[in-house]
Amino acid sequence: MRSIWFAALAVAVAPPVLAQPAPVAPLVNEDVGVPVFPYDITDRPYEVLGEVKAGVRKATVFSKSPSQEKIYKELWERARKLGADAVVKAQYGDAHVSAFSWGKANATGVAVRFLSAGATPAPAGVSGSN
């Protein structure tokens, strides 16, 4: 009888596990292993934190051009410092030789932070030239 009473007390005192929301799986581009995408994400709301830029250099004139994976990882490092959950609309060009580099590929993207399902993004500030 005592064991039934203790079991009932344990169930009554235990926190409701079913009432907690399920954790959202992190969003990762499986091709490169980081949350950087060449397209926009439309299935969840987000706020824009800002544009991120990165330049990835070749080691020597004979080295291969930087891979998409290396470029996306560099974009992700910069976006993560802003507190981003992902980078969308990532773009990069071919490596080009300059006076200071054997070859450098420039990349840009938009750093975003995901919002909860019911939240709406804050209105973007209007930037104008005065």
C-alpha atoms as a PDB file:
ATOM      1  CA  MET A   1       0.000   0.000   0.000  1.00  0.00           C
ATOM      2  CA  ARG A   2       2.840   2.365   0.857  1.00  0.00           C
ATOM      3  CA  SER A   3       4.517   1.803  -2.524  1.00  0.00           C
ATOM      4  CA  ILE A   4       1.324   2.834  -4.341  1.00  0.00           C
ATOM      5  CA  TRP A   5       1.094   5.969  -2.222  1.00  0.00           C
ATOM      6  CA  PHE A   6       4.747   6.905  -2.962  1.00  0.00           C
ATOM      7  CA  ALA A   7       4.265   6.222  -6.682  1.00  0.00           C
ATOM      8  CA  ALA A   8       1.189   8.457  -6.758  1.00  0.00           C
ATOM      9  CA  LEU A   9       3.068  11.194  -4.896  1.00  0.00           C
ATOM     10  CA  ALA A  10       6.027  10.965  -7.290  1.00  0.00           C
ATOM     11  CA  VAL A  11       3.737  11.299 -10.311  1.00  0.00           C
ATOM     12  CA  ALA A  12       1.904  14.266  -8.783  1.00  0.00           C
ATOM     13  CA  VAL A  13       5.126  16.121  -7.920  1.00  0.00           C
ATOM     14  CA  ALA A  14       7.010  15.354 -11.156  1.00  0.00           C
ATOM     15  CA  PRO A  15       7.093  18.184 -13.732  1.00  0.00           C
ATOM     16  CA  PRO A  16       4.814  17.664 -16.711  1.00  0.00           C
ATOM     17  CA  VAL A  17       7.137  16.397 -19.434  1.00  0.00           C
ATOM     18  CA  LEU A  18       4.494  16.410 -22.141  1.00  0.00           C
ATOM     19  CA  ALA A  19       3.735  20.114 -21.687  1.00  0.00           C
ATOM     20  CA  GLN A  20       7.244  21.166 -22.753  1.00  0.00           C
ATOM     21  CA  PRO A  21       7.699  22.079 -26.429  1.00  0.00           C
ATOM     22  CA  ALA A  22       9.856  19.737 -28.433  1.00  0.00           C
ATOM     23  CA  PRO A  23      13.295  21.168 -29.201  1.00  0.00           C
ATOM     24  CA  VAL A  24      13.677  22.375 -32.762  1.00  0.00           C
ATOM     25  CA  ALA A  25      16.305  20.527 -34.730  1.00  0.00           C
ATOM     26  CA  PRO A  26      19.130  22.798 -35.857  1.00  0.00           C
ATOM     27  CA  LEU A  27      19.051  23.744 -39.509  1.00  0.00           C
ATOM     28  CA  VAL A  28      22.168  22.576 -41.371  1.00  0.00           C
ATOM     29  CA  ASN A  29      23.056  22.459 -45.049  1.00  0.00           C
ATOM     30  CA  GLU A  30      24.056  18.802 -45.249  1.00  0.00           C
ATOM     31  CA  ASP A  31      26.250  19.386 -48.310  1.00  0.00           C
ATOM     32  CA  VAL A  32      28.669  21.603 -46.386  1.00  0.00           C
ATOM     33  CA  GLY A  33      27.915  20.887 -42.704  1.00  0.00           C
ATOM     34  CA  VAL A  34      27.018  24.445 -41.655  1.00  0.00           C
ATOM     35  CA  PRO A  35      23.737  26.425 -41.711  1.00  0.00           C
ATOM     36  CA  VAL A  36      24.548  28.425 -44.849  1.00  0.00           C
ATOM     37  CA  PHE A  37      22.168  28.331 -47.824  1.00  0.00           C
ATOM     38  CA  PRO A  38      22.217  29.878 -51.305  1.00  0.00           C
ATOM     39  CA  TYR A  39      18.441  30.392 -51.120  1.00  0.00           C
ATOM     40  CA  ASP A  40      15.948  32.060 -48.772  1.00  0.00           C
ATOM     41  CA  ILE A  41      14.281  30.065 -45.983  1.00  0.00           C
ATOM     42  CA  THR A  42      10.509  30.431 -46.117  1.00  0.00           C
ATOM     43  CA  ASP A  43       9.265  27.736 -43.723  1.00  0.00           C
ATOM     44  CA  ARG A  44      10.063  29.604 -40.475  1.00  0.00           C
ATOM     45  CA  PRO A  45      10.074  33.267 -39.435  1.00  0.00           C
ATOM     46  CA  TYR A  46      13.372  35.045 -38.856  1.00  0.00           C
ATOM     47  CA  GLU A  47      14.855  38.452 -38.255  1.00  0.00           C
ATOM     48  CA  VAL A  48      17.735  39.802 -40.320  1.00  0.00           C
ATOM     49  CA  LEU A  49      20.848  40.579 -38.289  1.00  0.00           C
ATOM     50  CA  GLY A  50      22.857  42.001 -41.168  1.00  0.00           C
ATOM     51  CA  GLU A  51      24.943  41.207 -44.205  1.00  0.00           C
ATOM     52  CA  VAL A  52      28.067  39.106 -43.761  1.00  0.00           C
ATOM     53  CA  LYS A  53      31.040  39.218 -46.089  1.00  0.00           C
ATOM     54  CA  ALA A  54      34.020  36.936 -46.310  1.00  0.00           C
ATOM     55  CA  GLY A  55      37.048  36.529 -48.515  1.00  0.00           C
ATOM     56  CA  VAL A  56      38.795  33.168 -48.801  1.00  0.00           C
ATOM     57  CA  ARG A  57      42.316  33.155 -50.223  1.00  0.00           C
ATOM     58  CA  LYS A  58      44.335  30.530 -52.052  1.00  0.00           C
ATOM     59  CA  ALA A  59      47.611  29.547 -50.402  1.00  0.00           C
ATOM     60  CA  THR A  60      49.712  29.806 -53.585  1.00  0.00           C
ATOM     61  CA  VAL A  61      49.204  30.535 -57.244  1.00  0.00           C
ATOM     62  CA  PHE A  62      49.182  26.752 -57.841  1.00  0.00           C
ATOM     63  CA  SER A  63      46.550  25.968 -55.194  1.00  0.00           C
ATOM     64  CA  LYS A  64      43.007  25.097 -56.190  1.00  0.00           C
ATOM     65  CA  SER A  65      40.308  27.727 -55.827  1.00  0.00           C
ATOM     66  CA  PRO A  66      38.537  27.687 -52.436  1.00  0.00           C
ATOM     67  CA  SER A  67      35.727  25.126 -52.251  1.00  0.00           C
ATOM     68  CA  GLN A  68      32.103  25.978 -51.555  1.00  0.00           C
ATOM     69  CA  GLU A  69      32.463  24.224 -48.200  1.00  0.00           C
ATOM     70  CA  LYS A  70      35.414  26.406 -47.171  1.00  0.00           C
ATOM     71  CA  ILE A  71      33.677  29.591 -48.315  1.00  0.00           C
ATOM     72  CA  TYR A  72      30.426  28.714 -46.511  1.00  0.00           C
ATOM     73  CA  LYS A  73      32.324  27.856 -43.314  1.00  0.00           C
ATOM     74  CA  GLU A  74      33.980  31.280 -43.391  1.00  0.00           C
ATOM     75  CA  LEU A  75      30.601  32.990 -43.874  1.00  0.00           C
ATOM     76  CA  TRP A  76      29.192  30.948 -40.986  1.00  0.00           C
ATOM     77  CA  GLU A  77      32.054  31.956 -38.658  1.00  0.00           C
ATOM     78  CA  ARG A  78      31.278  35.612 -39.251  1.00  0.00           C
ATOM     79  CA  ALA A  79      27.509  35.172 -38.911  1.00  0.00           C
ATOM     80  CA  ARG A  80      27.896  33.186 -35.696  1.00  0.00           C
ATOM     81  CA  LYS A  81      29.726  36.138 -34.130  1.00  0.00           C
ATOM     82  CA  LEU A  82      26.580  38.208 -34.783  1.00  0.00           C
ATOM     83  CA  GLY A  83      24.446  35.615 -32.965  1.00  0.00           C
ATOM     84  CA  ALA A  84      22.934  34.198 -36.157  1.00  0.00           C
ATOM     85  CA  ASP A  85      21.175  30.855 -36.490  1.00  0.00           C
ATOM     86  CA  ALA A  86      21.795  30.637 -40.247  1.00  0.00           C
ATOM     87  CA  VAL A  87      22.995  32.465 -43.349  1.00  0.00           C
ATOM     88  CA  VAL A  88      20.633  32.760 -46.317  1.00  0.00           C
ATOM     89  CA  LYS A  89      21.086  34.035 -49.873  1.00  0.00           C
ATOM     90  CA  ALA A  90      24.792  33.137 -49.823  1.00  0.00           C
ATOM     91  CA  GLN A  91      26.682  34.011 -53.004  1.00  0.00           C
ATOM     92  CA  TYR A  92      30.316  33.813 -54.016  1.00  0.00           C
ATOM     93  CA  GLY A  93      32.391  34.309 -57.126  1.00  0.00           C
ATOM     94  CA  ASP A  94      35.417  32.695 -58.674  1.00  0.00           C
ATOM     95  CA  ALA A  95      38.818  33.314 -57.144  1.00  0.00           C
ATOM     96  CA  HIS A  96      40.628  36.241 -58.745  1.00  0.00           C
ATOM     97  CA  VAL A  97      44.267  37.308 -58.530  1.00  0.00           C
ATOM     98  CA  SER A  98      45.077  40.710 -57.055  1.00  0.00           C
ATOM     99  CA  ALA A  99      48.181  42.610 -55.995  1.00  0.00           C
ATOM    100  CA  PHE A 100      47.882  41.175 -52.466  1.00  0.00           C
ATOM    101  CA  SER A 101      46.638  37.645 -53.144  1.00  0.00           C
ATOM    102  CA  TRP A 102      47.282  34.638 -55.388  1.00  0.00           C
ATOM    103  CA  GLY A 103      43.556  34.218 -55.618  1.00  0.00           C
ATOM    104  CA  LYS A 104      40.644  35.261 -53.459  1.00  0.00           C
ATOM    105  CA  ALA A 105      36.964  34.338 -53.620  1.00  0.00           C
ATOM    106  CA  ASN A 106      34.594  36.933 -52.157  1.00  0.00           C
ATOM    107  CA  ALA A 107      31.321  35.812 -50.596  1.00  0.00           C
ATOM    108  CA  THR A 108      28.260  37.527 -49.134  1.00  0.00           C
ATOM    109  CA  GLY A 109      25.145  36.381 -47.320  1.00  0.00           C
ATOM    110  CA  VAL A 110      22.431  37.520 -44.935  1.00  0.00           C
ATOM    111  CA  ALA A 111      22.774  36.519 -41.269  1.00  0.00           C
ATOM    112  CA  VAL A 112      19.411  35.616 -39.708  1.00  0.00           C
ATOM    113  CA  ARG A 113      18.087  34.620 -36.273  1.00  0.00           C
ATOM    114  CA  PHE A 114      14.999  32.415 -36.148  1.00  0.00           C
ATOM    115  CA  LEU A 115      11.948  33.573 -34.211  1.00  0.00           C
ATOM    116  CA  SER A 116       9.416  31.514 -32.302  1.00  0.00           C
ATOM    117  CA  ALA A 117       6.397  30.400 -34.321  1.00  0.00           C
ATOM    118  CA  GLY A 118       4.086  33.175 -33.060  1.00  0.00           C
ATOM    119  CA  ALA A 119       6.601  36.024 -33.215  1.00  0.00           C
ATOM    120  CA  THR A 120       6.844  38.512 -36.035  1.00  0.00           C
ATOM    121  CA  PRO A 121      10.069  40.181 -37.133  1.00  0.00           C
ATOM    122  CA  ALA A 122      10.720  43.752 -36.072  1.00  0.00           C
ATOM    123  CA  PRO A 123      10.315  46.274 -38.882  1.00  0.00           C
ATOM    124  CA  ALA A 124      13.572  46.994 -40.661  1.00  0.00           C
ATOM    125  CA  GLY A 125      14.956  50.479 -40.232  1.00  0.00           C
ATOM    126  CA  VAL A 126      14.785  52.748 -43.241  1.00  0.00           C
ATOM    127  CA  SER A 127      18.245  53.645 -44.422  1.00  0.00           C
ATOM    128  CA  GLY A 128      18.605  56.662 -46.576  1.00  0.00           C
ATOM    129  CA  SER A 129      21.381  58.942 -47.657  1.00  0.00           C
ATOM    130  CA  ASN A 130      21.287  62.451 -46.259  1.00  0.00           C
END
